[in-house]
N, C-alpha and C. Protein backbone atom coordinates (compact mmCIF):
# COMPACT_ATOMS: atom_id res chain seq x y z
N MET A 1 12.20 83.71 114.14
CA MET A 1 11.17 82.78 113.71
C MET A 1 11.83 81.55 113.13
N LYS A 2 11.39 80.38 113.53
CA LYS A 2 11.95 79.12 113.06
C LYS A 2 10.93 78.39 112.20
N MET A 3 11.43 77.57 111.30
CA MET A 3 10.55 76.72 110.49
C MET A 3 10.55 75.34 111.15
N GLU A 4 9.36 74.84 111.42
CA GLU A 4 9.23 73.52 112.01
C GLU A 4 8.51 72.62 111.03
N MET A 5 9.03 71.41 110.86
CA MET A 5 8.46 70.47 109.91
C MET A 5 8.33 69.11 110.55
N LYS A 6 7.42 68.32 110.00
CA LYS A 6 7.26 66.93 110.42
C LYS A 6 7.09 66.12 109.15
N ASP A 7 7.92 65.07 108.98
CA ASP A 7 7.81 64.25 107.78
C ASP A 7 6.71 63.20 107.95
N VAL A 8 6.51 62.40 106.90
CA VAL A 8 5.43 61.41 106.90
C VAL A 8 5.64 60.31 107.93
N LYS A 9 6.87 60.16 108.43
CA LYS A 9 7.15 59.16 109.45
C LYS A 9 7.07 59.73 110.86
N GLY A 10 6.71 61.01 110.97
CA GLY A 10 6.54 61.63 112.27
C GLY A 10 7.79 62.24 112.86
N HIS A 11 8.88 62.32 112.10
CA HIS A 11 10.12 62.92 112.59
C HIS A 11 10.01 64.45 112.53
N ASP A 12 10.38 65.11 113.62
CA ASP A 12 10.36 66.56 113.68
C ASP A 12 11.70 67.14 113.24
N MET A 13 11.64 68.35 112.68
CA MET A 13 12.84 69.04 112.26
C MET A 13 12.61 70.53 112.41
N GLN A 14 13.60 71.25 112.89
CA GLN A 14 13.52 72.69 113.02
C GLN A 14 14.68 73.32 112.27
N LEU A 15 14.38 74.40 111.55
CA LEU A 15 15.41 75.10 110.79
C LEU A 15 15.47 76.55 111.22
N PRO A 16 16.66 77.13 111.25
CA PRO A 16 16.78 78.55 111.59
C PRO A 16 16.24 79.40 110.44
N PRO A 17 15.96 80.67 110.71
CA PRO A 17 15.43 81.55 109.66
C PRO A 17 16.51 81.95 108.66
N ALA A 18 16.81 81.09 107.74
CA ALA A 18 17.82 81.34 106.72
C ALA A 18 17.37 80.62 105.45
N PRO A 19 17.93 81.02 104.30
CA PRO A 19 17.57 80.31 103.07
C PRO A 19 17.91 78.83 103.16
N VAL A 20 17.04 78.02 102.64
CA VAL A 20 17.24 76.57 102.66
C VAL A 20 17.45 76.11 101.23
N LYS A 21 18.56 75.43 101.00
CA LYS A 21 18.84 74.89 99.67
C LYS A 21 18.14 73.54 99.54
N VAL A 22 17.35 73.41 98.50
CA VAL A 22 16.61 72.17 98.26
C VAL A 22 17.14 71.54 96.99
N ASN A 23 17.53 70.29 97.06
CA ASN A 23 17.96 69.54 95.89
C ASN A 23 16.81 68.61 95.51
N PHE A 24 16.08 68.98 94.49
CA PHE A 24 14.89 68.23 94.09
C PHE A 24 15.27 67.15 93.09
N ILE A 25 14.98 65.92 93.42
CA ILE A 25 15.19 64.79 92.51
C ILE A 25 13.83 64.14 92.28
N GLN A 26 13.46 64.09 91.01
CA GLN A 26 12.17 63.48 90.68
C GLN A 26 12.18 62.00 91.02
N LYS A 27 10.99 61.50 91.35
CA LYS A 27 10.85 60.10 91.71
C LYS A 27 11.32 59.20 90.56
N SER A 28 11.02 59.57 89.33
CA SER A 28 11.43 58.75 88.18
C SER A 28 12.95 58.73 88.03
N GLN A 29 13.61 59.86 88.33
CA GLN A 29 15.08 59.90 88.25
C GLN A 29 15.69 59.04 89.34
N ARG A 30 15.13 59.09 90.55
CA ARG A 30 15.63 58.27 91.65
C ARG A 30 15.46 56.78 91.33
N LEU A 31 14.31 56.41 90.74
CA LEU A 31 14.07 55.03 90.36
C LEU A 31 15.08 54.59 89.30
N ALA A 32 15.34 55.47 88.32
CA ALA A 32 16.31 55.15 87.28
C ALA A 32 17.69 54.93 87.88
N MET A 33 18.05 55.72 88.88
CA MET A 33 19.34 55.55 89.53
C MET A 33 19.44 54.20 90.24
N LYS A 34 18.36 53.78 90.84
CA LYS A 34 18.35 52.51 91.55
C LYS A 34 18.42 51.32 90.61
N GLU A 35 17.77 51.44 89.47
CA GLU A 35 17.65 50.30 88.56
C GLU A 35 18.74 50.25 87.50
N GLY A 36 19.66 51.21 87.50
CA GLY A 36 20.74 51.18 86.52
C GLY A 36 20.27 51.56 85.13
N LEU A 37 19.29 52.42 85.04
CA LEU A 37 18.77 52.85 83.75
C LEU A 37 19.47 54.11 83.29
N LYS A 38 19.19 54.52 82.06
CA LYS A 38 19.74 55.76 81.55
C LYS A 38 19.07 56.94 82.25
N VAL A 39 19.88 57.93 82.53
CA VAL A 39 19.40 59.16 83.15
C VAL A 39 19.70 60.30 82.20
N GLN A 40 18.76 61.23 82.09
CA GLN A 40 18.97 62.42 81.28
C GLN A 40 18.83 63.65 82.17
N GLU A 41 19.84 64.49 82.14
CA GLU A 41 19.78 65.78 82.81
C GLU A 41 19.66 66.82 81.72
N LYS A 42 18.62 67.64 81.79
CA LYS A 42 18.38 68.64 80.75
C LYS A 42 18.56 70.04 81.29
N TYR A 43 19.26 70.85 80.51
CA TYR A 43 19.49 72.25 80.83
C TYR A 43 18.96 73.08 79.66
N ALA A 44 18.10 74.04 79.96
CA ALA A 44 17.54 74.88 78.90
C ALA A 44 17.51 76.33 79.38
N LEU A 45 18.65 76.84 79.74
CA LEU A 45 18.70 78.17 80.31
C LEU A 45 19.50 79.16 79.49
N ILE A 46 20.06 78.74 78.39
CA ILE A 46 20.85 79.65 77.57
C ILE A 46 19.92 80.31 76.57
N LEU A 47 19.62 81.60 76.79
CA LEU A 47 18.70 82.33 75.93
C LEU A 47 19.47 83.29 75.03
N PHE A 48 18.92 83.52 73.84
CA PHE A 48 19.56 84.39 72.86
C PHE A 48 18.64 85.56 72.53
N ASP A 49 19.24 86.67 72.12
CA ASP A 49 18.46 87.80 71.63
C ASP A 49 17.89 87.44 70.26
N PHE A 50 16.88 88.18 69.84
CA PHE A 50 16.24 87.94 68.54
C PHE A 50 17.27 87.98 67.42
N ASP A 51 17.26 86.93 66.58
CA ASP A 51 18.10 86.83 65.40
C ASP A 51 19.60 86.86 65.73
N LYS A 52 19.97 86.41 66.92
CA LYS A 52 21.38 86.40 67.32
C LYS A 52 21.81 84.99 67.72
N ASN A 53 23.12 84.75 67.59
CA ASN A 53 23.68 83.48 68.05
C ASN A 53 24.88 83.71 68.96
N THR A 54 25.00 84.93 69.49
CA THR A 54 26.10 85.23 70.39
C THR A 54 25.69 84.93 71.83
N ILE A 55 26.64 84.41 72.58
CA ILE A 55 26.39 84.05 73.98
C ILE A 55 26.95 85.16 74.86
N ASP A 56 26.10 85.70 75.72
CA ASP A 56 26.58 86.77 76.60
C ASP A 56 27.19 86.20 77.88
N ALA A 57 27.76 87.08 78.67
CA ALA A 57 28.51 86.67 79.87
C ALA A 57 27.64 85.97 80.91
N ARG A 58 26.35 86.31 80.98
CA ARG A 58 25.49 85.71 82.01
C ARG A 58 25.34 84.20 81.81
N ASN A 59 25.57 83.73 80.58
CA ASN A 59 25.43 82.31 80.31
C ASN A 59 26.71 81.52 80.60
N GLN A 60 27.82 82.21 80.88
CA GLN A 60 29.07 81.51 81.17
C GLN A 60 28.93 80.64 82.42
N ASP A 61 28.21 81.13 83.45
CA ASP A 61 28.00 80.33 84.66
C ASP A 61 27.25 79.04 84.35
N ILE A 62 26.28 79.12 83.47
CA ILE A 62 25.52 77.93 83.08
C ILE A 62 26.45 76.92 82.41
N VAL A 63 27.27 77.40 81.50
CA VAL A 63 28.21 76.53 80.80
C VAL A 63 29.19 75.91 81.80
N ASN A 64 29.69 76.72 82.74
CA ASN A 64 30.62 76.20 83.75
C ASN A 64 29.97 75.10 84.58
N THR A 65 28.70 75.28 84.94
CA THR A 65 27.97 74.27 85.72
C THR A 65 27.84 72.97 84.93
N ILE A 66 27.51 73.09 83.67
CA ILE A 66 27.34 71.90 82.82
C ILE A 66 28.68 71.18 82.63
N VAL A 67 29.74 71.94 82.41
CA VAL A 67 31.07 71.33 82.24
C VAL A 67 31.49 70.63 83.52
N ALA A 68 31.28 71.28 84.67
CA ALA A 68 31.65 70.65 85.95
C ALA A 68 30.89 69.35 86.14
N ARG A 69 29.61 69.35 85.82
CA ARG A 69 28.80 68.14 85.96
C ARG A 69 29.27 67.07 84.98
N ALA A 70 29.53 67.44 83.74
CA ALA A 70 29.96 66.48 82.73
C ALA A 70 31.30 65.84 83.09
N LYS A 71 32.17 66.59 83.74
CA LYS A 71 33.46 66.04 84.15
C LYS A 71 33.31 64.97 85.22
N THR A 72 32.23 65.02 85.99
CA THR A 72 32.00 63.97 86.99
C THR A 72 31.36 62.73 86.37
N LEU A 73 30.98 62.83 85.11
CA LEU A 73 30.32 61.72 84.41
C LEU A 73 31.10 61.42 83.13
N PRO A 74 32.24 60.73 83.23
CA PRO A 74 33.11 60.56 82.06
C PRO A 74 32.48 59.79 80.91
N GLN A 75 31.43 59.03 81.16
CA GLN A 75 30.79 58.27 80.08
C GLN A 75 29.55 58.97 79.53
N ALA A 76 29.21 60.13 80.06
CA ALA A 76 28.00 60.84 79.63
C ALA A 76 28.18 61.41 78.23
N SER A 77 27.12 61.31 77.45
CA SER A 77 27.10 62.00 76.16
C SER A 77 26.40 63.34 76.37
N ILE A 78 26.79 64.32 75.57
CA ILE A 78 26.24 65.66 75.69
C ILE A 78 25.61 66.05 74.35
N ALA A 79 24.31 66.28 74.37
CA ALA A 79 23.59 66.68 73.15
C ALA A 79 23.17 68.13 73.28
N ILE A 80 23.57 68.93 72.30
CA ILE A 80 23.23 70.35 72.27
C ILE A 80 22.26 70.56 71.11
N VAL A 81 21.09 71.13 71.41
CA VAL A 81 20.07 71.34 70.38
C VAL A 81 19.66 72.81 70.38
N GLY A 82 19.84 73.46 69.22
CA GLY A 82 19.46 74.86 69.07
C GLY A 82 18.02 74.99 68.64
N HIS A 83 17.36 76.04 69.14
CA HIS A 83 15.95 76.31 68.84
C HIS A 83 15.79 77.78 68.42
N THR A 84 14.69 78.07 67.76
CA THR A 84 14.32 79.45 67.44
C THR A 84 12.82 79.61 67.64
N ASP A 85 12.37 80.87 67.56
CA ASP A 85 10.93 81.10 67.56
C ASP A 85 10.41 80.86 66.14
N ASN A 86 9.16 81.18 65.90
CA ASN A 86 8.57 80.91 64.58
C ASN A 86 8.50 82.14 63.68
N ILE A 87 9.19 83.20 64.03
CA ILE A 87 9.20 84.40 63.20
C ILE A 87 10.26 84.23 62.11
N GLY A 88 9.86 84.43 60.86
CA GLY A 88 10.80 84.31 59.75
C GLY A 88 10.64 82.98 59.03
N LYS A 89 11.51 82.79 58.04
CA LYS A 89 11.45 81.58 57.22
C LYS A 89 12.07 80.40 57.94
N ASP A 90 11.48 79.23 57.73
CA ASP A 90 11.95 78.01 58.39
C ASP A 90 13.42 77.71 58.07
N THR A 91 13.80 77.83 56.80
CA THR A 91 15.18 77.48 56.43
C THR A 91 16.18 78.40 57.13
N TYR A 92 15.85 79.68 57.23
CA TYR A 92 16.74 80.61 57.93
C TYR A 92 16.81 80.26 59.41
N ASN A 93 15.65 79.98 60.00
CA ASN A 93 15.61 79.66 61.43
C ASN A 93 16.37 78.37 61.76
N VAL A 94 16.31 77.39 60.89
CA VAL A 94 17.06 76.15 61.13
C VAL A 94 18.56 76.46 61.14
N LYS A 95 19.01 77.27 60.19
CA LYS A 95 20.43 77.63 60.14
C LYS A 95 20.82 78.46 61.37
N LEU A 96 19.93 79.36 61.80
CA LEU A 96 20.19 80.16 63.00
C LEU A 96 20.30 79.24 64.23
N SER A 97 19.41 78.26 64.31
CA SER A 97 19.45 77.34 65.46
C SER A 97 20.73 76.51 65.43
N GLU A 98 21.21 76.16 64.25
CA GLU A 98 22.48 75.43 64.13
C GLU A 98 23.65 76.30 64.58
N ARG A 99 23.60 77.60 64.23
CA ARG A 99 24.66 78.52 64.67
C ARG A 99 24.63 78.68 66.19
N ARG A 100 23.44 78.73 66.77
CA ARG A 100 23.32 78.83 68.23
C ARG A 100 23.90 77.59 68.90
N ALA A 101 23.54 76.42 68.39
CA ALA A 101 24.06 75.17 68.95
C ALA A 101 25.58 75.11 68.81
N GLN A 102 26.09 75.56 67.68
CA GLN A 102 27.54 75.55 67.45
C GLN A 102 28.25 76.51 68.39
N ALA A 103 27.65 77.67 68.66
CA ALA A 103 28.24 78.64 69.58
C ALA A 103 28.36 78.04 70.98
N VAL A 104 27.32 77.33 71.42
CA VAL A 104 27.36 76.69 72.74
C VAL A 104 28.37 75.54 72.72
N TYR A 105 28.39 74.78 71.63
CA TYR A 105 29.36 73.68 71.48
C TYR A 105 30.78 74.22 71.62
N ASP A 106 31.09 75.31 70.91
CA ASP A 106 32.43 75.88 70.94
C ASP A 106 32.79 76.35 72.35
N LEU A 107 31.86 77.01 73.02
CA LEU A 107 32.11 77.50 74.37
C LEU A 107 32.27 76.34 75.35
N LEU A 108 31.43 75.33 75.22
CA LEU A 108 31.51 74.16 76.10
C LEU A 108 32.85 73.46 75.92
N LYS A 109 33.25 73.29 74.68
CA LYS A 109 34.51 72.60 74.38
C LYS A 109 35.70 73.41 74.88
N ALA A 110 35.66 74.73 74.72
CA ALA A 110 36.75 75.58 75.19
C ALA A 110 36.83 75.58 76.71
N THR A 111 35.71 75.57 77.38
CA THR A 111 35.68 75.59 78.84
C THR A 111 36.07 74.24 79.41
N TYR A 112 35.86 73.18 78.66
CA TYR A 112 36.13 71.83 79.12
C TYR A 112 37.60 71.62 79.48
N ALA A 113 38.48 72.33 78.79
CA ALA A 113 39.93 72.32 79.07
C ALA A 113 40.60 70.97 78.80
N GLU A 114 39.91 70.07 78.17
CA GLU A 114 40.50 68.81 77.71
C GLU A 114 39.63 68.35 76.54
N ASP A 115 40.11 67.43 75.77
CA ASP A 115 39.36 66.98 74.61
C ASP A 115 38.22 66.06 75.04
N PRO A 116 36.96 66.49 74.83
CA PRO A 116 35.84 65.63 75.21
C PRO A 116 35.57 64.50 74.22
N GLY A 117 36.36 64.46 73.15
CA GLY A 117 36.20 63.38 72.17
C GLY A 117 34.86 63.44 71.47
N ASP A 118 34.23 62.29 71.34
CA ASP A 118 32.94 62.20 70.66
C ASP A 118 31.76 62.41 71.59
N ARG A 119 32.01 62.88 72.78
CA ARG A 119 30.94 63.01 73.78
C ARG A 119 29.94 64.11 73.45
N ILE A 120 30.38 65.17 72.76
CA ILE A 120 29.53 66.33 72.52
C ILE A 120 29.05 66.34 71.07
N HIS A 121 27.73 66.49 70.91
CA HIS A 121 27.13 66.59 69.58
C HIS A 121 26.19 67.79 69.56
N SER A 122 26.11 68.48 68.43
CA SER A 122 25.21 69.62 68.34
C SER A 122 24.39 69.55 67.06
N THR A 123 23.18 70.11 67.16
CA THR A 123 22.29 70.17 66.00
C THR A 123 21.32 71.33 66.21
N GLY A 124 20.67 71.73 65.15
CA GLY A 124 19.66 72.79 65.24
C GLY A 124 18.35 72.30 64.66
N VAL A 125 17.26 72.65 65.32
CA VAL A 125 15.93 72.22 64.85
C VAL A 125 15.04 73.40 64.46
N GLY A 126 15.55 74.62 64.60
CA GLY A 126 14.77 75.80 64.24
C GLY A 126 13.49 75.88 65.03
N PRO A 127 12.38 76.24 64.36
CA PRO A 127 11.10 76.35 65.05
C PRO A 127 10.30 75.05 65.02
N ASN A 128 10.90 73.96 64.55
CA ASN A 128 10.14 72.73 64.30
C ASN A 128 9.72 71.96 65.54
N THR A 129 10.45 72.08 66.62
CA THR A 129 10.05 71.44 67.88
C THR A 129 10.12 72.48 69.00
N PRO A 130 9.16 73.40 69.01
CA PRO A 130 9.21 74.49 69.99
C PRO A 130 9.05 73.98 71.42
N LEU A 131 9.77 74.62 72.32
CA LEU A 131 9.65 74.30 73.73
C LEU A 131 8.42 74.99 74.33
N TYR A 132 8.03 76.11 73.73
CA TYR A 132 6.86 76.89 74.16
C TYR A 132 5.98 77.15 72.95
N ASP A 133 4.80 77.67 73.17
CA ASP A 133 3.79 77.71 72.11
C ASP A 133 3.94 78.82 71.06
N ASN A 134 4.84 79.77 71.19
CA ASN A 134 5.07 80.85 70.23
C ASN A 134 3.89 81.81 70.10
N MET A 135 2.91 81.73 70.99
CA MET A 135 1.71 82.56 70.88
C MET A 135 1.89 83.95 71.49
N SER A 136 2.90 84.16 72.29
CA SER A 136 3.12 85.47 72.91
C SER A 136 4.59 85.85 72.74
N PRO A 137 4.90 87.13 72.85
CA PRO A 137 6.31 87.54 72.76
C PRO A 137 7.19 86.86 73.81
N GLU A 138 6.63 86.63 75.00
CA GLU A 138 7.40 85.98 76.06
C GLU A 138 7.73 84.53 75.69
N ALA A 139 6.74 83.81 75.19
CA ALA A 139 6.96 82.42 74.80
C ALA A 139 7.95 82.34 73.65
N ARG A 140 7.84 83.26 72.70
CA ARG A 140 8.80 83.26 71.58
C ARG A 140 10.22 83.51 72.09
N SER A 141 10.36 84.41 73.07
CA SER A 141 11.71 84.68 73.58
C SER A 141 12.29 83.46 74.27
N PHE A 142 11.45 82.65 74.94
CA PHE A 142 11.94 81.43 75.58
C PHE A 142 12.33 80.36 74.56
N ASN A 143 11.79 80.43 73.35
CA ASN A 143 12.15 79.48 72.30
C ASN A 143 13.48 79.83 71.64
N ARG A 144 14.02 80.99 71.91
CA ARG A 144 15.33 81.37 71.38
C ARG A 144 16.39 80.84 72.32
N THR A 145 16.58 79.55 72.29
CA THR A 145 17.43 78.91 73.29
C THR A 145 18.20 77.74 72.71
N VAL A 146 19.03 77.19 73.55
CA VAL A 146 19.72 75.94 73.28
C VAL A 146 19.49 75.04 74.48
N THR A 147 19.10 73.80 74.23
CA THR A 147 18.97 72.84 75.31
C THR A 147 20.19 71.94 75.30
N ILE A 148 20.60 71.55 76.49
CA ILE A 148 21.76 70.67 76.63
C ILE A 148 21.31 69.47 77.47
N THR A 149 21.55 68.28 76.95
CA THR A 149 21.15 67.05 77.66
C THR A 149 22.39 66.21 77.92
N LEU A 150 22.57 65.87 79.19
CA LEU A 150 23.60 64.90 79.56
C LEU A 150 22.90 63.57 79.72
N GLU A 151 23.37 62.55 79.04
CA GLU A 151 22.76 61.22 79.15
C GLU A 151 23.83 60.24 79.59
N TYR A 152 23.49 59.45 80.62
CA TYR A 152 24.45 58.52 81.18
C TYR A 152 23.71 57.40 81.89
N LEU A 153 24.43 56.33 82.17
CA LEU A 153 23.88 55.26 82.98
C LEU A 153 23.94 55.68 84.43
N SER A 154 22.92 55.35 85.18
CA SER A 154 22.80 55.86 86.54
C SER A 154 23.87 55.34 87.49
N ASN A 155 24.58 54.29 87.14
CA ASN A 155 25.59 53.76 88.06
C ASN A 155 26.91 54.51 87.99
N GLU A 156 26.98 55.60 87.19
CA GLU A 156 28.22 56.40 87.10
C GLU A 156 28.38 57.25 88.33
């Protein structure tokens, strides 16, 4: 079985029955690249167990991907922000989120294999800017994360 497609200009394309890798670029990101504006790439896939700041082996691939991308963008700044769910006291959660961000910072810097200088910054926000609503156990587990943002000018 083959996949047959036709684009908006009427061009036909046929693909064999195999996985197709799609590189999705948002229209706003493409426009920013054309106009020489700042671009932000956000990664939010490093999840932590409840009340923990240790990074397990499954997250090493994510860190490696981010380091590889950052090395292609020598002027990019890297912002690491730790998050927590809303269970517990705010002051404890802010400190926990800072420890999570620091753990990712340390791993990123160690994997970088060269001094990234002032490019990498980390901070923790605790439960104060949740990525999800904290209304269900699943949403709370997704808030136990660290987000990483690469920011650079699009002409890099």
